[in-house]
Structure formats: structure tokens, C-alpha cells
Amino acid sequence: MNVIQSFRTCAAAASLLAMAAGGFPAQARGASVRELPQELRGSWGVETEDCNDAESEGRINVTATVIDSPGLKFTLSKIRQLPNGVWRASALRTEAGKKRKQRMDIEIVALAPDRLRFRAGNTQAEEFSFCRPSRLIG
């Protein structure tokens, strides 16, 4: 077996191992995607009461490319999932009543099917619980 055949055999084996371990087909970890996954979308509240108040600062609404709360909006781009499961995106932060927009990184990670952690820029991460439709107002 010559060097080129050896290399091709090793490359093919490495690809198969990576795919078997959940590795990199179309949506590779670390590769940019267009939107956040479905399991992160919906309304989330820091406290149960936040789910009952559409204007609560403790409530966020997550869509495919936007995370917003009353008076604050993050428009996402360059969305990617890191190997540790954290979703990171570049975000354009806009505040109601202010013309200035700010670019920052955000991180969002599912802790459980009904819990997530969200962090914007250098702020402290906050944990949120999914707002069940029966608790959801607004």
C-alpha cells in the first residue's frame, strides 16, 4: 500500500468514526446555521409569575433568529453550536427608545427540556423555565 492509499484509508476511517460519534455531517457542531433549534424556541420566564406577565423583565421570547423581552431585542446572526452543547451567536442588541445599537455575543444552552440558561455579552447568565401554554399570557 503506498502513502496516498494509506492516507485515504485513514481519512475514510476518521470520517466514519466522527459520524458514528455524532460528528459532522450537514450540521456540524461549530458550523454556522441559520436559526436556533426548535427546542429553544418559545417563551421563558425566570419565575413562574414572569410567564403570566407579557411585560415582565424576567421573560424572554425566543424565535429562530430573535431573542426579545420588553424593551430589549437581540437579532441573531452567525449562530453555531459549540462542542459542549452551548449555542453561541453574534447579536445586534437594540433597546426601545434608543437609536444606538450594540453588537455582542450571546450564549444560550438547554439545561433540561424545560430549562435554559441565557447570557448576553459580559452579563451574568440567567436561568429560565419554559412558560407552559396554560401559564402563558400575552
C-alpha atoms as a PDB file:
ATOM      1  CA  MET A   1       0.000   0.000   0.000  1.00  0.00           C
ATOM      2  CA  ASN A   2       1.527   3.322  -0.967  1.00  0.00           C
ATOM      3  CA  VAL A   3       1.409   6.533   1.065  1.00  0.00           C
ATOM      4  CA  ILE A   4      -1.589   8.013  -0.808  1.00  0.00           C
ATOM      5  CA  GLN A   5      -3.691   4.869  -0.356  1.00  0.00           C
ATOM      6  CA  SER A   6      -2.731   4.792   3.328  1.00  0.00           C
ATOM      7  CA  PHE A   7      -3.767   8.407   3.749  1.00  0.00           C
ATOM      8  CA  ARG A   8      -7.127   7.842   2.006  1.00  0.00           C
ATOM      9  CA  THR A   9      -7.827   4.783   4.169  1.00  0.00           C
ATOM     10  CA  CYS A  10      -7.038   6.731   7.369  1.00  0.00           C
ATOM     11  CA  ALA A  11      -9.143   9.711   6.248  1.00  0.00           C
ATOM     12  CA  ALA A  12     -12.109   7.469   5.429  1.00  0.00           C
ATOM     13  CA  ALA A  13     -11.818   5.680   8.784  1.00  0.00           C
ATOM     14  CA  ALA A  14     -11.619   9.002  10.652  1.00  0.00           C
ATOM     15  CA  SER A  15     -14.740  10.276   8.864  1.00  0.00           C
ATOM     16  CA  LEU A  16     -16.679   7.128   9.717  1.00  0.00           C
ATOM     17  CA  LEU A  17     -15.629   7.343  13.373  1.00  0.00           C
ATOM     18  CA  ALA A  18     -16.605  11.002  13.596  1.00  0.00           C
ATOM     19  CA  MET A  19     -20.026  10.321  12.077  1.00  0.00           C
ATOM     20  CA  ALA A  20     -20.597   7.324  14.365  1.00  0.00           C
ATOM     21  CA  ALA A  21     -19.779   9.508  17.364  1.00  0.00           C
ATOM     22  CA  GLY A  22     -22.381  12.087  16.335  1.00  0.00           C
ATOM     23  CA  GLY A  23     -19.849  14.067  14.332  1.00  0.00           C
ATOM     24  CA  PHE A  24     -20.039  16.334  11.432  1.00  0.00           C
ATOM     25  CA  PRO A  25     -22.475  15.675   8.621  1.00  0.00           C
ATOM     26  CA  ALA A  26     -24.549  18.599   7.285  1.00  0.00           C
ATOM     27  CA  GLN A  27     -24.982  20.466  10.562  1.00  0.00           C
ATOM     28  CA  ALA A  28     -21.592  20.047  12.189  1.00  0.00           C
ATOM     29  CA  ARG A  29     -21.033  21.288  15.699  1.00  0.00           C
ATOM     30  CA  GLY A  30     -19.264  24.606  15.427  1.00  0.00           C
ATOM     31  CA  ALA A  31     -20.586  25.248  11.904  1.00  0.00           C
ATOM     32  CA  SER A  32     -22.835  28.265  11.413  1.00  0.00           C
ATOM     33  CA  VAL A  33     -26.542  27.608  10.963  1.00  0.00           C
ATOM     34  CA  ARG A  34     -29.387  29.972  10.075  1.00  0.00           C
ATOM     35  CA  GLU A  35     -31.514  29.585  13.197  1.00  0.00           C
ATOM     36  CA  LEU A  36     -31.758  28.336  16.756  1.00  0.00           C
ATOM     37  CA  PRO A  37     -33.165  24.815  17.183  1.00  0.00           C
ATOM     38  CA  GLN A  38     -36.862  24.270  17.842  1.00  0.00           C
ATOM     39  CA  GLU A  39     -36.275  23.073  21.445  1.00  0.00           C
ATOM     40  CA  LEU A  40     -35.001  26.534  22.457  1.00  0.00           C
ATOM     41  CA  ARG A  41     -37.912  28.449  20.939  1.00  0.00           C
ATOM     42  CA  GLY A  42     -40.852  29.765  22.915  1.00  0.00           C
ATOM     43  CA  SER A  43     -41.492  31.962  25.940  1.00  0.00           C
ATOM     44  CA  TRP A  44     -39.330  31.539  29.023  1.00  0.00           C
ATOM     45  CA  GLY A  45     -39.540  33.093  32.496  1.00  0.00           C
ATOM     46  CA  VAL A  46     -37.092  33.497  35.363  1.00  0.00           C
ATOM     47  CA  GLU A  47     -40.004  32.931  37.759  1.00  0.00           C
ATOM     48  CA  THR A  48     -43.429  31.354  37.148  1.00  0.00           C
ATOM     49  CA  GLU A  49     -45.022  34.782  37.624  1.00  0.00           C
ATOM     50  CA  ASP A  50     -42.977  36.122  34.691  1.00  0.00           C
ATOM     51  CA  CYS A  51     -44.906  33.783  32.376  1.00  0.00           C
ATOM     52  CA  ASN A  52     -48.151  35.476  33.434  1.00  0.00           C
ATOM     53  CA  ASP A  53     -46.930  38.984  32.550  1.00  0.00           C
ATOM     54  CA  ALA A  54     -46.087  39.740  28.920  1.00  0.00           C
ATOM     55  CA  GLU A  55     -44.307  42.937  30.052  1.00  0.00           C
ATOM     56  CA  SER A  56     -42.156  41.273  32.725  1.00  0.00           C
ATOM     57  CA  GLU A  57     -38.415  41.917  32.502  1.00  0.00           C
ATOM     58  CA  GLY A  58     -37.962  38.327  33.667  1.00  0.00           C
ATOM     59  CA  ARG A  59     -39.476  36.927  30.487  1.00  0.00           C
ATOM     60  CA  ILE A  60     -37.826  36.292  27.127  1.00  0.00           C
ATOM     61  CA  ASN A  61     -39.291  35.126  23.832  1.00  0.00           C
ATOM     62  CA  VAL A  62     -37.014  33.023  21.644  1.00  0.00           C
ATOM     63  CA  THR A  63     -37.661  32.607  17.925  1.00  0.00           C
ATOM     64  CA  ALA A  64     -35.460  31.190  15.176  1.00  0.00           C
ATOM     65  CA  THR A  65     -33.333  34.353  14.935  1.00  0.00           C
ATOM     66  CA  VAL A  66     -34.531  36.765  17.658  1.00  0.00           C
ATOM     67  CA  ILE A  67     -34.497  36.824  21.444  1.00  0.00           C
ATOM     68  CA  ASP A  68     -36.560  39.616  22.927  1.00  0.00           C
ATOM     69  CA  SER A  69     -38.025  40.856  26.156  1.00  0.00           C
ATOM     70  CA  PRO A  70     -39.909  44.063  26.940  1.00  0.00           C
ATOM     71  CA  GLY A  71     -37.786  46.946  25.672  1.00  0.00           C
ATOM     72  CA  LEU A  72     -34.858  44.800  24.521  1.00  0.00           C
ATOM     73  CA  LYS A  73     -34.218  42.795  21.359  1.00  0.00           C
ATOM     74  CA  PHE A  74     -31.315  40.622  20.166  1.00  0.00           C
ATOM     75  CA  THR A  75     -31.261  39.910  16.427  1.00  0.00           C
ATOM     76  CA  LEU A  76     -29.038  36.887  15.862  1.00  0.00           C
ATOM     77  CA  SER A  77     -26.539  36.013  13.145  1.00  0.00           C
ATOM     78  CA  LYS A  78     -23.630  33.585  12.880  1.00  0.00           C
ATOM     79  CA  ILE A  79     -25.447  31.028  15.030  1.00  0.00           C
ATOM     80  CA  ARG A  80     -23.433  27.929  15.904  1.00  0.00           C
ATOM     81  CA  GLN A  81     -23.393  25.120  18.436  1.00  0.00           C
ATOM     82  CA  LEU A  82     -20.179  24.527  20.339  1.00  0.00           C
ATOM     83  CA  PRO A  83     -18.931  21.008  21.174  1.00  0.00           C
ATOM     84  CA  ASN A  84     -20.132  21.440  24.797  1.00  0.00           C
ATOM     85  CA  GLY A  85     -23.749  21.958  23.599  1.00  0.00           C
ATOM     86  CA  VAL A  86     -23.828  25.741  24.095  1.00  0.00           C
ATOM     87  CA  TRP A  87     -25.387  27.767  21.278  1.00  0.00           C
ATOM     88  CA  ARG A  88     -23.465  30.971  20.532  1.00  0.00           C
ATOM     89  CA  ALA A  89     -24.420  33.768  18.165  1.00  0.00           C
ATOM     90  CA  SER A  90     -23.395  37.244  17.214  1.00  0.00           C
ATOM     91  CA  ALA A  91     -26.274  39.547  18.133  1.00  0.00           C
ATOM     92  CA  LEU A  92     -27.337  43.093  17.387  1.00  0.00           C
ATOM     93  CA  ARG A  93     -28.816  44.442  20.636  1.00  0.00           C
ATOM     94  CA  THR A  94     -31.449  47.172  20.351  1.00  0.00           C
ATOM     95  CA  GLU A  95     -33.164  48.926  23.231  1.00  0.00           C
ATOM     96  CA  ALA A  96     -36.574  50.555  22.929  1.00  0.00           C
ATOM     97  CA  GLY A  97     -36.315  54.329  22.714  1.00  0.00           C
ATOM     98  CA  LYS A  98     -32.586  54.324  21.912  1.00  0.00           C
ATOM     99  CA  LYS A  99     -31.045  54.791  18.474  1.00  0.00           C
ATOM    100  CA  ARG A 100     -27.709  53.218  19.314  1.00  0.00           C
ATOM    101  CA  LYS A 101     -27.372  49.506  18.564  1.00  0.00           C
ATOM    102  CA  GLN A 102     -24.707  47.330  20.110  1.00  0.00           C
ATOM    103  CA  ARG A 103     -23.040  44.213  18.691  1.00  0.00           C
ATOM    104  CA  MET A 104     -22.352  41.438  21.224  1.00  0.00           C
ATOM    105  CA  ASP A 105     -22.131  37.682  21.577  1.00  0.00           C
ATOM    106  CA  ILE A 106     -24.907  35.740  23.260  1.00  0.00           C
ATOM    107  CA  GLU A 107     -24.939  32.212  24.624  1.00  0.00           C
ATOM    108  CA  ILE A 108     -27.938  30.007  25.202  1.00  0.00           C
ATOM    109  CA  VAL A 109     -27.950  26.408  26.404  1.00  0.00           C
ATOM    110  CA  ALA A 110     -30.688  23.901  27.202  1.00  0.00           C
ATOM    111  CA  LEU A 111     -30.193  22.628  30.761  1.00  0.00           C
ATOM    112  CA  ALA A 112     -33.242  20.348  30.563  1.00  0.00           C
ATOM    113  CA  PRO A 113     -36.261  20.154  28.241  1.00  0.00           C
ATOM    114  CA  ASP A 114     -37.956  22.951  30.217  1.00  0.00           C
ATOM    115  CA  ARG A 115     -34.900  24.933  31.455  1.00  0.00           C
ATOM    116  CA  LEU A 116     -32.315  27.090  29.693  1.00  0.00           C
ATOM    117  CA  ARG A 117     -29.511  29.472  30.539  1.00  0.00           C
ATOM    118  CA  PHE A 118     -29.066  32.743  28.617  1.00  0.00           C
ATOM    119  CA  ARG A 119     -26.148  35.173  28.711  1.00  0.00           C
ATOM    120  CA  ALA A 120     -25.668  38.342  26.677  1.00  0.00           C
ATOM    121  CA  GLY A 121     -22.244  39.948  26.392  1.00  0.00           C
ATOM    122  CA  ASN A 122     -20.414  40.130  29.706  1.00  0.00           C
ATOM    123  CA  THR A 123     -23.569  39.989  31.834  1.00  0.00           C
ATOM    124  CA  GLN A 124     -24.214  37.204  34.302  1.00  0.00           C
ATOM    125  CA  ALA A 125     -26.057  34.219  32.855  1.00  0.00           C
ATOM    126  CA  GLU A 126     -29.696  33.808  33.920  1.00  0.00           C
ATOM    127  CA  GLU A 127     -31.720  30.615  34.048  1.00  0.00           C
ATOM    128  CA  PHE A 128     -35.257  30.462  32.657  1.00  0.00           C
ATOM    129  CA  SER A 129     -38.109  27.949  32.803  1.00  0.00           C
ATOM    130  CA  PHE A 130     -40.321  27.242  29.820  1.00  0.00           C
ATOM    131  CA  CYS A 131     -43.678  29.026  30.011  1.00  0.00           C
ATOM    132  CA  ARG A 132     -46.332  26.361  29.560  1.00  0.00           C
ATOM    133  CA  PRO A 133     -49.267  27.498  27.385  1.00  0.00           C
ATOM    134  CA  SER A 134     -51.629  27.276  30.382  1.00  0.00           C
ATOM    135  CA  ARG A 135     -49.379  29.771  32.237  1.00  0.00           C
ATOM    136  CA  LEU A 136     -48.729  31.955  29.192  1.00  0.00           C
ATOM    137  CA  ILE A 137     -50.449  35.329  28.966  1.00  0.00           C
ATOM    138  CA  GLY A 138     -49.846  37.847  26.170  1.00  0.00           C
END
